[in-house]
Amino acid sequence: MRTELLNGIDVNGLQNYKNNISENDEDAMIDYKVNLEWLGGTKSRVTTKGITLGNQELSRDFSFEIDEPNQLLGKDSKPTPQEYLLGGLGACMLVGYTVGASVKGIKLEKLEINIEGGLDLRGFLEVNPNSPIGMTDIKYNIVVKGNGSEKDFQEIHKKVVETSPNRATLANPVNIRSELIVEK
């Protein structure tokens, strides 16, 4: 059986997976693991350490490096942590748009997401106790072109806003637990 792809998406495979997880709750659970290693100064290497999808262990061995610009004591050799954060937000929404268009039978010609977010470094650097530490505003626009109607794209947009995991993680409170292990 030949799989038909629209915009690189296997719509039938998606429907089969949705049917599976509607019947098997545990198959819908996914956990991600990464390791960060300090490389000196402000530079670090992130290595993916695997994904648990239901009862499957998926091997992952990808890595990328992060740095800061010279003005923030880095070597300006790699994107910053915030650029990766915004990139992860955009990439997750881009998947939602691509899948949403494919499910509706829309052939995409163009899909871009432009994202901006800013920090007040006085909070992070403890210069002003009243300055926020994290980003307080993130704004983005989506540029899309394809054989769908404006109504189709509005429906896809609404669905992406409602269901993007990375968007939800940034837009809603999330529990973060930390543990410090000091080696002797």
Protein backbone atom coordinates (compact mmCIF):
# COMPACT_ATOMS: atom_id res chain seq x y z
CA MET A 1 0.00 0.00 0.00
CA ARG A 2 1.42 3.36 -1.06
CA THR A 3 1.16 6.19 1.44
CA GLU A 4 -0.09 9.48 0.07
CA LEU A 5 1.61 12.54 1.51
CA LEU A 6 0.28 16.07 1.41
CA ASN A 7 2.78 18.76 2.45
CA GLY A 8 4.99 15.87 3.62
CA ILE A 9 2.29 14.64 6.05
CA ASP A 10 0.84 11.11 6.06
CA VAL A 11 -2.77 12.07 6.84
CA ASN A 12 -3.94 8.41 6.97
CA GLY A 13 -1.09 7.54 9.33
CA LEU A 14 -2.11 10.46 11.55
CA GLN A 15 -5.71 9.24 11.67
CA ASN A 16 -4.56 5.70 12.50
CA TYR A 17 -2.40 7.05 15.33
CA LYS A 18 -5.27 9.18 16.66
CA ASN A 19 -7.51 6.09 16.64
CA ASN A 20 -4.84 4.11 18.52
CA ILE A 21 -4.35 6.67 21.30
CA SER A 22 -8.11 7.14 21.70
CA GLU A 23 -8.24 3.43 22.63
CA ASN A 24 -4.88 3.16 24.46
CA ASP A 25 -4.24 6.08 26.81
CA GLU A 26 -0.70 4.97 27.68
CA ASP A 27 0.34 5.11 24.00
CA ALA A 28 -0.40 8.87 24.03
CA MET A 29 2.22 9.67 26.68
CA ILE A 30 5.56 11.05 25.50
CA ASP A 31 8.58 12.04 27.57
CA TYR A 32 11.67 13.84 26.25
CA LYS A 33 15.15 13.75 27.75
CA VAL A 34 18.09 16.04 27.04
CA ASN A 35 21.49 16.56 28.62
CA LEU A 36 23.37 19.85 28.73
CA GLU A 37 27.14 19.97 29.09
CA TRP A 38 29.04 23.14 29.88
CA LEU A 39 31.73 23.85 27.27
CA GLY A 40 33.28 26.85 29.03
CA GLY A 41 32.25 30.46 29.26
CA THR A 42 28.62 30.84 28.17
CA LYS A 43 28.72 27.93 25.72
CA SER A 44 26.90 24.63 26.22
CA ARG A 45 26.09 21.51 24.22
CA VAL A 46 22.61 20.01 24.28
CA THR A 47 22.34 16.31 23.47
CA THR A 48 19.06 14.49 23.05
CA LYS A 49 18.95 11.38 25.23
CA GLY A 50 15.84 9.60 24.00
CA ILE A 51 12.09 9.77 23.86
CA THR A 52 9.67 7.45 25.61
CA LEU A 53 6.51 7.20 23.49
CA GLY A 54 3.97 4.95 25.18
CA ASN A 55 5.96 1.81 25.94
CA GLN A 56 8.51 2.44 23.16
CA GLU A 57 12.00 3.75 23.82
CA LEU A 58 13.06 5.85 20.82
CA SER A 59 16.79 6.33 20.47
CA ARG A 60 17.76 9.96 19.91
CA ASP A 61 21.31 11.19 19.47
CA PHE A 62 21.29 14.74 18.19
CA SER A 63 23.19 17.66 19.56
CA PHE A 64 23.42 21.39 19.16
CA GLU A 65 25.37 24.13 20.85
CA ILE A 66 24.23 27.33 22.51
CA ASP A 67 26.21 30.51 23.17
CA GLU A 68 25.67 34.19 23.90
CA PRO A 69 26.74 37.28 21.93
CA ASN A 70 30.00 39.00 22.79
CA GLN A 71 28.13 41.76 24.63
CA LEU A 72 26.75 39.13 27.03
CA LEU A 73 30.18 37.55 27.67
CA GLY A 74 29.86 34.87 24.97
CA LYS A 75 31.78 34.20 21.79
CA ASP A 76 28.76 34.78 19.50
CA SER A 77 29.37 31.35 17.96
CA LYS A 78 25.87 29.84 18.24
CA PRO A 79 22.24 30.90 18.80
CA THR A 80 21.26 31.95 22.33
CA PRO A 81 19.03 29.92 24.67
CA GLN A 82 16.21 32.39 24.00
CA GLU A 83 16.57 31.99 20.22
CA TYR A 84 16.25 28.22 20.64
CA LEU A 85 13.24 28.74 22.92
CA LEU A 86 11.48 30.93 20.35
CA GLY A 87 12.55 28.58 17.56
CA GLY A 88 11.04 25.63 19.44
CA LEU A 89 7.80 27.57 19.88
CA GLY A 90 7.64 28.40 16.19
CA ALA A 91 8.61 24.91 15.01
CA CYS A 92 5.88 23.34 17.13
CA MET A 93 3.25 25.72 15.72
CA LEU A 94 4.57 25.18 12.19
CA VAL A 95 3.93 21.44 12.58
CA GLY A 96 0.36 22.24 13.66
CA TYR A 97 -0.21 24.43 10.60
CA THR A 98 1.27 21.85 8.23
CA VAL A 99 -0.79 19.01 9.69
CA GLY A 100 -3.93 21.17 9.87
CA ALA A 101 -3.62 22.17 6.22
CA SER A 102 -2.92 18.59 5.16
CA VAL A 103 -5.95 17.24 7.03
CA LYS A 104 -8.10 19.82 5.23
CA GLY A 105 -6.57 18.82 1.88
CA ILE A 106 -4.82 22.17 1.44
CA LYS A 107 -1.59 22.21 -0.58
CA LEU A 108 0.77 24.74 1.01
CA GLU A 109 2.98 26.96 -1.13
CA LYS A 110 4.45 29.02 1.71
CA LEU A 111 4.44 28.87 5.51
CA GLU A 112 6.52 31.18 7.69
CA ILE A 113 6.32 32.17 11.34
CA ASN A 114 8.06 35.33 12.53
CA ILE A 115 8.51 35.56 16.30
CA GLU A 116 9.79 38.30 18.59
CA GLY A 117 10.35 38.23 22.32
CA GLY A 118 12.37 40.47 24.58
CA LEU A 119 14.03 40.46 27.98
CA ASP A 120 14.86 43.19 30.45
CA LEU A 121 18.38 42.10 31.42
CA ARG A 122 18.23 44.22 34.60
CA GLY A 123 16.13 41.44 36.19
CA PHE A 124 18.45 38.57 35.24
CA LEU A 125 21.56 40.58 36.21
CA GLU A 126 19.94 41.72 39.49
CA VAL A 127 20.36 45.40 38.64
CA ASN A 128 16.70 46.24 39.26
CA PRO A 129 14.64 44.04 41.59
CA ASN A 130 11.45 45.30 39.93
CA SER A 131 12.47 44.18 36.44
CA PRO A 132 11.00 40.87 35.27
CA ILE A 133 13.44 38.01 34.73
CA GLY A 134 11.68 36.23 31.87
CA MET A 135 10.04 37.39 28.68
CA THR A 136 6.78 39.17 29.40
CA ASP A 137 5.61 39.39 25.79
CA ILE A 138 6.07 37.17 22.78
CA LYS A 139 4.50 38.16 19.52
CA TYR A 140 4.38 36.30 16.25
CA ASN A 141 2.79 36.37 12.84
CA ILE A 142 2.12 33.59 10.43
CA VAL A 143 2.49 34.04 6.69
CA VAL A 144 0.70 31.32 4.76
CA LYS A 145 -0.13 30.72 1.12
CA GLY A 146 -1.91 27.75 -0.39
CA ASN A 147 -5.07 26.63 -2.11
CA GLY A 148 -7.21 27.02 1.03
CA SER A 149 -9.65 29.84 1.72
CA GLU A 150 -9.08 32.55 4.31
CA LYS A 151 -11.72 30.80 6.44
CA ASP A 152 -9.74 27.53 6.20
CA PHE A 153 -6.57 29.26 7.38
CA GLN A 154 -8.46 31.03 10.21
CA GLU A 155 -9.75 27.64 11.39
CA ILE A 156 -6.25 26.16 11.25
CA HIS A 157 -4.87 29.19 13.12
CA LYS A 158 -7.49 28.82 15.87
CA LYS A 159 -6.72 25.11 16.21
CA VAL A 160 -2.96 25.73 16.41
CA VAL A 161 -3.46 28.35 19.13
CA GLU A 162 -5.60 25.85 21.06
CA THR A 163 -3.43 22.75 20.62
CA SER A 164 0.27 23.63 20.14
CA PRO A 165 2.15 21.95 23.03
CA ASN A 166 5.04 24.44 23.05
CA ARG A 167 2.67 27.41 22.84
CA ALA A 168 0.65 26.01 25.76
CA THR A 169 3.83 25.37 27.77
CA LEU A 170 4.89 29.01 27.40
CA ALA A 171 1.40 30.52 27.74
CA ASN A 172 0.31 28.57 30.83
CA PRO A 173 1.89 27.92 34.22
CA VAL A 174 3.97 24.75 34.28
CA ASN A 175 5.41 22.90 37.27
CA ILE A 176 9.19 22.86 37.16
CA ARG A 177 11.03 20.82 39.76
CA SER A 178 14.75 21.11 40.30
CA GLU A 179 17.31 19.11 42.19
CA LEU A 180 20.92 20.07 42.84
CA ILE A 181 23.50 17.30 42.96
CA VAL A 182 26.92 18.46 44.17
CA GLU A 183 29.68 16.00 43.32
CA LYS A 184 32.58 15.66 45.72
